[in-house]
PDB file of N, CA and C in Angstrom:
ATOM      1  N   MET A   1     -32.292  67.196  -3.342  1.00  0.00           N
ATOM      2  CA  MET A   1     -32.845  67.421  -4.694  1.00  0.00           C
ATOM      3  C   MET A   1     -31.665  67.909  -5.556  1.00  0.00           C
ATOM      4  N   GLU A   2     -31.513  67.344  -6.695  1.00  0.00           N
ATOM      5  CA  GLU A   2     -30.446  67.682  -7.607  1.00  0.00           C
ATOM      6  C   GLU A   2     -30.848  68.983  -8.324  1.00  0.00           C
ATOM      7  N   ALA A   3     -29.780  69.664  -8.829  1.00  0.00           N
ATOM      8  CA  ALA A   3     -30.016  70.955  -9.550  1.00  0.00           C
ATOM      9  C   ALA A   3     -31.004  70.807 -10.738  1.00  0.00           C
ATOM     10  N   GLU A   4     -30.908  69.703 -11.445  1.00  0.00           N
ATOM     11  CA  GLU A   4     -31.793  69.518 -12.595  1.00  0.00           C
ATOM     12  C   GLU A   4     -33.262  69.389 -12.097  1.00  0.00           C
ATOM     13  N   GLU A   5     -33.453  68.653 -11.021  1.00  0.00           N
ATOM     14  CA  GLU A   5     -34.789  68.516 -10.505  1.00  0.00           C
ATOM     15  C   GLU A   5     -35.359  69.823 -10.016  1.00  0.00           C
ATOM     16  N   THR A   6     -34.504  70.618  -9.418  1.00  0.00           N
ATOM     17  CA  THR A   6     -34.903  71.967  -8.939  1.00  0.00           C
ATOM     18  C   THR A   6     -35.333  72.829 -10.092  1.00  0.00           C
ATOM     19  N   MET A   7     -34.578  72.823 -11.178  1.00  0.00           N
ATOM     20  CA  MET A   7     -34.926  73.643 -12.339  1.00  0.00           C
ATOM     21  C   MET A   7     -36.294  73.120 -12.930  1.00  0.00           C
ATOM     22  N   GLU A   8     -36.514  71.841 -13.023  1.00  0.00           N
ATOM     23  CA  GLU A   8     -37.788  71.332 -13.465  1.00  0.00           C
ATOM     24  C   GLU A   8     -38.950  71.847 -12.677  1.00  0.00           C
ATOM     25  N   CYS A   9     -38.782  71.754 -11.321  1.00  0.00           N
ATOM     26  CA  CYS A   9     -39.791  72.229 -10.394  1.00  0.00           C
ATOM     27  C   CYS A   9     -40.083  73.703 -10.606  1.00  0.00           C
ATOM     28  N   LEU A  10     -39.041  74.516 -10.745  1.00  0.00           N
ATOM     29  CA  LEU A  10     -39.230  75.959 -10.967  1.00  0.00           C
ATOM     30  C   LEU A  10     -39.909  76.258 -12.308  1.00  0.00           C
ATOM     31  N   GLN A  11     -39.668  75.452 -13.293  1.00  0.00           N
ATOM     32  CA  GLN A  11     -40.334  75.626 -14.609  1.00  0.00           C
ATOM     33  C   GLN A  11     -41.789  75.244 -14.509  1.00  0.00           C
ATOM     34  N   GLU A  12     -42.076  74.191 -13.759  1.00  0.00           N
ATOM     35  CA  GLU A  12     -43.515  73.751 -13.619  1.00  0.00           C
ATOM     36  C   GLU A  12     -44.313  74.727 -12.811  1.00  0.00           C
ATOM     37  N   PHE A  13     -43.711  75.297 -11.714  1.00  0.00           N
ATOM     38  CA  PHE A  13     -44.425  76.197 -10.784  1.00  0.00           C
ATOM     39  C   PHE A  13     -43.696  77.531 -10.682  1.00  0.00           C
ATOM     40  N   PRO A  14     -43.609  78.310 -11.729  1.00  0.00           N
ATOM     41  CA  PRO A  14     -42.820  79.588 -11.619  1.00  0.00           C
ATOM     42  C   PRO A  14     -43.320  80.539 -10.605  1.00  0.00           C
ATOM     43  N   GLU A  15     -44.570  80.544 -10.232  1.00  0.00           N
ATOM     44  CA  GLU A  15     -45.172  81.499  -9.296  1.00  0.00           C
ATOM     45  C   GLU A  15     -45.368  80.897  -7.917  1.00  0.00           C
ATOM     46  N   HIS A  16     -44.770  79.748  -7.700  1.00  0.00           N
ATOM     47  CA  HIS A  16     -44.988  79.023  -6.387  1.00  0.00           C
ATOM     48  C   HIS A  16     -44.599  79.905  -5.213  1.00  0.00           C
ATOM     49  N   HIS A  17     -43.468  80.504  -5.310  1.00  0.00           N
ATOM     50  CA  HIS A  17     -43.020  81.347  -4.212  1.00  0.00           C
ATOM     51  C   HIS A  17     -43.899  82.530  -3.895  1.00  0.00           C
ATOM     52  N   LYS A  18     -44.458  83.080  -4.962  1.00  0.00           N
ATOM     53  CA  LYS A  18     -45.440  84.211  -4.716  1.00  0.00           C
ATOM     54  C   LYS A  18     -46.752  83.691  -4.085  1.00  0.00           C
ATOM     55  N   MET A  19     -47.174  82.558  -4.509  1.00  0.00           N
ATOM     56  CA  MET A  19     -48.410  82.006  -3.930  1.00  0.00           C
ATOM     57  C   MET A  19     -48.159  81.714  -2.444  1.00  0.00           C
ATOM     58  N   ILE A  20     -47.053  81.135  -2.057  1.00  0.00           N
ATOM     59  CA  ILE A  20     -46.765  80.854  -0.663  1.00  0.00           C
ATOM     60  C   ILE A  20     -46.734  82.143   0.149  1.00  0.00           C
ATOM     61  N   LEU A  21     -46.036  83.137  -0.332  1.00  0.00           N
ATOM     62  CA  LEU A  21     -45.967  84.403   0.425  1.00  0.00           C
ATOM     63  C   LEU A  21     -47.335  85.106   0.533  1.00  0.00           C
ATOM     64  N   ASP A  22     -48.091  84.991  -0.529  1.00  0.00           N
ATOM     65  CA  ASP A  22     -49.479  85.612  -0.530  1.00  0.00           C
ATOM     66  C   ASP A  22     -50.370  84.881   0.560  1.00  0.00           C
ATOM     67  N   ARG A  23     -50.265  83.585   0.570  1.00  0.00           N
ATOM     68  CA  ARG A  23     -51.070  82.785   1.558  1.00  0.00           C
ATOM     69  C   ARG A  23     -50.608  83.053   2.962  1.00  0.00           C
ATOM     70  N   LEU A  24     -49.313  83.151   3.166  1.00  0.00           N
ATOM     71  CA  LEU A  24     -48.819  83.475   4.493  1.00  0.00           C
ATOM     72  C   LEU A  24     -49.312  84.855   4.965  1.00  0.00           C
ATOM     73  N   ASN A  25     -49.296  85.835   4.020  1.00  0.00           N
ATOM     74  CA  ASN A  25     -49.799  87.140   4.373  1.00  0.00           C
ATOM     75  C   ASN A  25     -51.292  87.125   4.618  1.00  0.00           C
ATOM     76  N   GLU A  26     -52.056  86.387   3.899  1.00  0.00           N
ATOM     77  CA  GLU A  26     -53.485  86.274   4.156  1.00  0.00           C
ATOM     78  C   GLU A  26     -53.711  85.723   5.502  1.00  0.00           C
ATOM     79  N   GLN A  27     -52.981  84.640   5.874  1.00  0.00           N
ATOM     80  CA  GLN A  27     -53.114  84.104   7.239  1.00  0.00           C
ATOM     81  C   GLN A  27     -52.767  85.102   8.324  1.00  0.00           C
ATOM     82  N   ARG A  28     -51.751  85.884   8.064  1.00  0.00           N
ATOM     83  CA  ARG A  28     -51.328  86.908   9.074  1.00  0.00           C
ATOM     84  C   ARG A  28     -52.421  87.928   9.174  1.00  0.00           C
ATOM     85  N   GLU A  29     -52.947  88.402   8.044  1.00  0.00           N
ATOM     86  CA  GLU A  29     -54.016  89.387   8.095  1.00  0.00           C
ATOM     87  C   GLU A  29     -55.274  88.917   8.823  1.00  0.00           C
ATOM     88  N   GLN A  30     -55.569  87.626   8.760  1.00  0.00           N
ATOM     89  CA  GLN A  30     -56.711  86.985   9.396  1.00  0.00           C
ATOM     90  C   GLN A  30     -56.375  86.529  10.800  1.00  0.00           C
ATOM     91  N   ASP A  31     -55.120  86.809  11.254  1.00  0.00           N
ATOM     92  CA  ASP A  31     -54.668  86.408  12.575  1.00  0.00           C
ATOM     93  C   ASP A  31     -54.706  84.916  12.767  1.00  0.00           C
ATOM     94  N   ARG A  32     -54.396  84.193  11.677  1.00  0.00           N
ATOM     95  CA  ARG A  32     -54.434  82.728  11.726  1.00  0.00           C
ATOM     96  C   ARG A  32     -52.971  82.249  11.826  1.00  0.00           C
ATOM     97  N   PHE A  33     -52.662  81.479  12.770  1.00  0.00           N
ATOM     98  CA  PHE A  33     -51.364  80.813  12.986  1.00  0.00           C
ATOM     99  C   PHE A  33     -50.285  81.769  13.290  1.00  0.00           C
ATOM    100  N   THR A  34     -50.608  83.015  13.642  1.00  0.00           N
ATOM    101  CA  THR A  34     -49.530  83.939  14.060  1.00  0.00           C
ATOM    102  C   THR A  34     -49.096  83.489  15.473  1.00  0.00           C
ATOM    103  N   ASP A  35     -47.810  83.616  15.723  1.00  0.00           N
ATOM    104  CA  ASP A  35     -47.289  83.137  16.974  1.00  0.00           C
ATOM    105  C   ASP A  35     -46.332  84.151  17.608  1.00  0.00           C
ATOM    106  N   ILE A  36     -46.333  85.379  17.211  1.00  0.00           N
ATOM    107  CA  ILE A  36     -45.609  86.396  17.880  1.00  0.00           C
ATOM    108  C   ILE A  36     -46.244  87.769  17.550  1.00  0.00           C
ATOM    109  N   THR A  37     -46.168  88.706  18.469  1.00  0.00           N
ATOM    110  CA  THR A  37     -46.585  90.064  18.235  1.00  0.00           C
ATOM    111  C   THR A  37     -45.424  91.005  18.506  1.00  0.00           C
ATOM    112  N   LEU A  38     -45.043  91.760  17.459  1.00  0.00           N
ATOM    113  CA  LEU A  38     -43.940  92.780  17.617  1.00  0.00           C
ATOM    114  C   LEU A  38     -44.629  94.074  17.949  1.00  0.00           C
ATOM    115  N   ILE A  39     -44.050  94.797  18.887  1.00  0.00           N
ATOM    116  CA  ILE A  39     -44.571  96.114  19.299  1.00  0.00           C
ATOM    117  C   ILE A  39     -43.538  97.163  18.980  1.00  0.00           C
ATOM    118  N   VAL A  40     -43.907  98.094  18.093  1.00  0.00           N
ATOM    119  CA  VAL A  40     -43.015  99.148  17.650  1.00  0.00           C
ATOM    120  C   VAL A  40     -43.668 100.488  17.863  1.00  0.00           C
ATOM    121  N   ASP A  41     -43.162 101.332  18.690  1.00  0.00           N
ATOM    122  CA  ASP A  41     -43.769 102.631  18.942  1.00  0.00           C
ATOM    123  C   ASP A  41     -45.236 102.529  19.288  1.00  0.00           C
ATOM    124  N   GLY A  42     -45.590 101.490  20.038  1.00  0.00           N
ATOM    125  CA  GLY A  42     -46.961 101.327  20.498  1.00  0.00           C
ATOM    126  C   GLY A  42     -47.849 100.647  19.471  1.00  0.00           C
ATOM    127  N   HIS A  43     -47.397 100.323  18.266  1.00  0.00           N
ATOM    128  CA  HIS A  43     -48.136  99.634  17.264  1.00  0.00           C
ATOM    129  C   HIS A  43     -47.885  98.105  17.393  1.00  0.00           C
ATOM    130  N   HIS A  44     -48.926  97.326  17.300  1.00  0.00           N
ATOM    131  CA  HIS A  44     -48.819  95.896  17.429  1.00  0.00           C
ATOM    132  C   HIS A  44     -48.818  95.270  16.025  1.00  0.00           C
ATOM    133  N   PHE A  45     -47.914  94.372  15.774  1.00  0.00           N
ATOM    134  CA  PHE A  45     -47.795  93.713  14.530  1.00  0.00           C
ATOM    135  C   PHE A  45     -47.786  92.206  14.752  1.00  0.00           C
ATOM    136  N   LYS A  46     -48.817  91.461  14.337  1.00  0.00           N
ATOM    137  CA  LYS A  46     -48.861  90.057  14.434  1.00  0.00           C
ATOM    138  C   LYS A  46     -47.978  89.439  13.369  1.00  0.00           C
ATOM    139  N   ALA A  47     -47.332  88.374  13.590  1.00  0.00           N
ATOM    140  CA  ALA A  47     -46.383  87.789  12.641  1.00  0.00           C
ATOM    141  C   ALA A  47     -46.252  86.261  12.887  1.00  0.00           C
ATOM    142  N   HIS A  48     -45.537  85.657  11.895  1.00  0.00           N
ATOM    143  CA  HIS A  48     -45.198  84.232  11.969  1.00  0.00           C
ATOM    144  C   HIS A  48     -43.681  84.198  12.277  1.00  0.00           C
ATOM    145  N   LYS A  49     -43.342  83.557  13.342  1.00  0.00           N
ATOM    146  CA  LYS A  49     -41.858  83.494  13.720  1.00  0.00           C
ATOM    147  C   LYS A  49     -41.078  82.862  12.602  1.00  0.00           C
ATOM    148  N   ALA A  50     -41.629  81.830  11.921  1.00  0.00           N
ATOM    149  CA  ALA A  50     -40.894  81.122  10.912  1.00  0.00           C
ATOM    150  C   ALA A  50     -40.534  82.052   9.751  1.00  0.00           C
ATOM    151  N   VAL A  51     -41.478  82.903   9.382  1.00  0.00           N
ATOM    152  CA  VAL A  51     -41.242  83.816   8.265  1.00  0.00           C
ATOM    153  C   VAL A  51     -40.163  84.856   8.701  1.00  0.00           C
ATOM    154  N   LEU A  52     -40.320  85.411   9.882  1.00  0.00           N
ATOM    155  CA  LEU A  52     -39.312  86.394  10.383  1.00  0.00           C
ATOM    156  C   LEU A  52     -37.982  85.737  10.499  1.00  0.00           C
ATOM    157  N   ALA A  53     -37.881  84.540  10.989  1.00  0.00           N
ATOM    158  CA  ALA A  53     -36.575  83.857  11.106  1.00  0.00           C
ATOM    159  C   ALA A  53     -35.975  83.582   9.747  1.00  0.00           C
ATOM    160  N   ALA A  54     -36.776  83.267   8.778  1.00  0.00           N
ATOM    161  CA  ALA A  54     -36.314  83.052   7.440  1.00  0.00           C
ATOM    162  C   ALA A  54     -35.712  84.315   6.759  1.00  0.00           C
ATOM    163  N   CYS A  55     -36.234  85.450   7.259  1.00  0.00           N
ATOM    164  CA  CYS A  55     -35.829  86.716   6.647  1.00  0.00           C
ATOM    165  C   CYS A  55     -34.675  87.396   7.432  1.00  0.00           C
ATOM    166  N   SER A  56     -34.402  86.895   8.660  1.00  0.00           N
ATOM    167  CA  SER A  56     -33.489  87.579   9.502  1.00  0.00           C
ATOM    168  C   SER A  56     -32.636  86.613  10.288  1.00  0.00           C
ATOM    169  N   HIS A  57     -31.355  86.515  10.052  1.00  0.00           N
ATOM    170  CA  HIS A  57     -30.459  85.697  10.803  1.00  0.00           C
ATOM    171  C   HIS A  57     -30.510  86.086  12.334  1.00  0.00           C
ATOM    172  N   VAL A  58     -30.550  87.328  12.629  1.00  0.00           N
ATOM    173  CA  VAL A  58     -30.588  87.828  14.011  1.00  0.00           C
ATOM    174  C   VAL A  58     -31.828  87.262  14.695  1.00  0.00           C
ATOM    175  N   LEU A  59     -33.040  87.460  14.077  1.00  0.00           N
ATOM    176  CA  LEU A  59     -34.213  87.036  14.669  1.00  0.00           C
ATOM    177  C   LEU A  59     -34.244  85.467  14.802  1.00  0.00           C
ATOM    178  N   SER A  60     -33.692  84.768  13.829  1.00  0.00           N
ATOM    179  CA  SER A  60     -33.580  83.306  13.916  1.00  0.00           C
ATOM    180  C   SER A  60     -32.810  82.914  15.166  1.00  0.00           C
ATOM    181  N   GLN A  61     -31.711  83.566  15.455  1.00  0.00           N
ATOM    182  CA  GLN A  61     -30.905  83.286  16.633  1.00  0.00           C
ATOM    183  C   GLN A  61     -31.753  83.610  17.908  1.00  0.00           C
ATOM    184  N   ILE A  62     -32.412  84.744  17.913  1.00  0.00           N
ATOM    185  CA  ILE A  62     -33.218  85.080  19.100  1.00  0.00           C
ATOM    186  C   ILE A  62     -34.257  84.080  19.359  1.00  0.00           C
ATOM    187  N   PHE A  63     -34.984  83.670  18.305  1.00  0.00           N
ATOM    188  CA  PHE A  63     -36.075  82.703  18.459  1.00  0.00           C
ATOM    189  C   PHE A  63     -35.560  81.318  18.898  1.00  0.00           C
ATOM    190  N   SER A  64     -34.317  81.015  18.518  1.00  0.00           N
ATOM    191  CA  SER A  64     -33.760  79.760  18.916  1.00  0.00           C
ATOM    192  C   SER A  64     -33.462  79.696  20.376  1.00  0.00           C
ATOM    193  N   MET A  65     -33.273  80.848  20.997  1.00  0.00           N
ATOM    194  CA  MET A  65     -32.971  80.899  22.427  1.00  0.00           C
ATOM    195  C   MET A  65     -34.190  80.873  23.294  1.00  0.00           C
ATOM    196  N   LEU A  66     -35.386  81.083  22.684  1.00  0.00           N
ATOM    197  CA  LEU A  66     -36.625  81.077  23.498  1.00  0.00           C
ATOM    198  C   LEU A  66     -37.071  79.659  23.840  1.00  0.00           C
TER     199      LEU A  66
END
């Protein structure tokens, strides 16, 4: 996608990124499509590996080895 096309898309859908994150969070809260559980100090956190990998280079590498 060329830079100009990217700018047009962003102008058409300025809140698209927020909508995507909101929907992913809703799915996580409903335990839909979660594929990993993180346990921290005995607390369980359901999550999406794809979201965690996108946010963390380290987690991306760890998930690639699984």
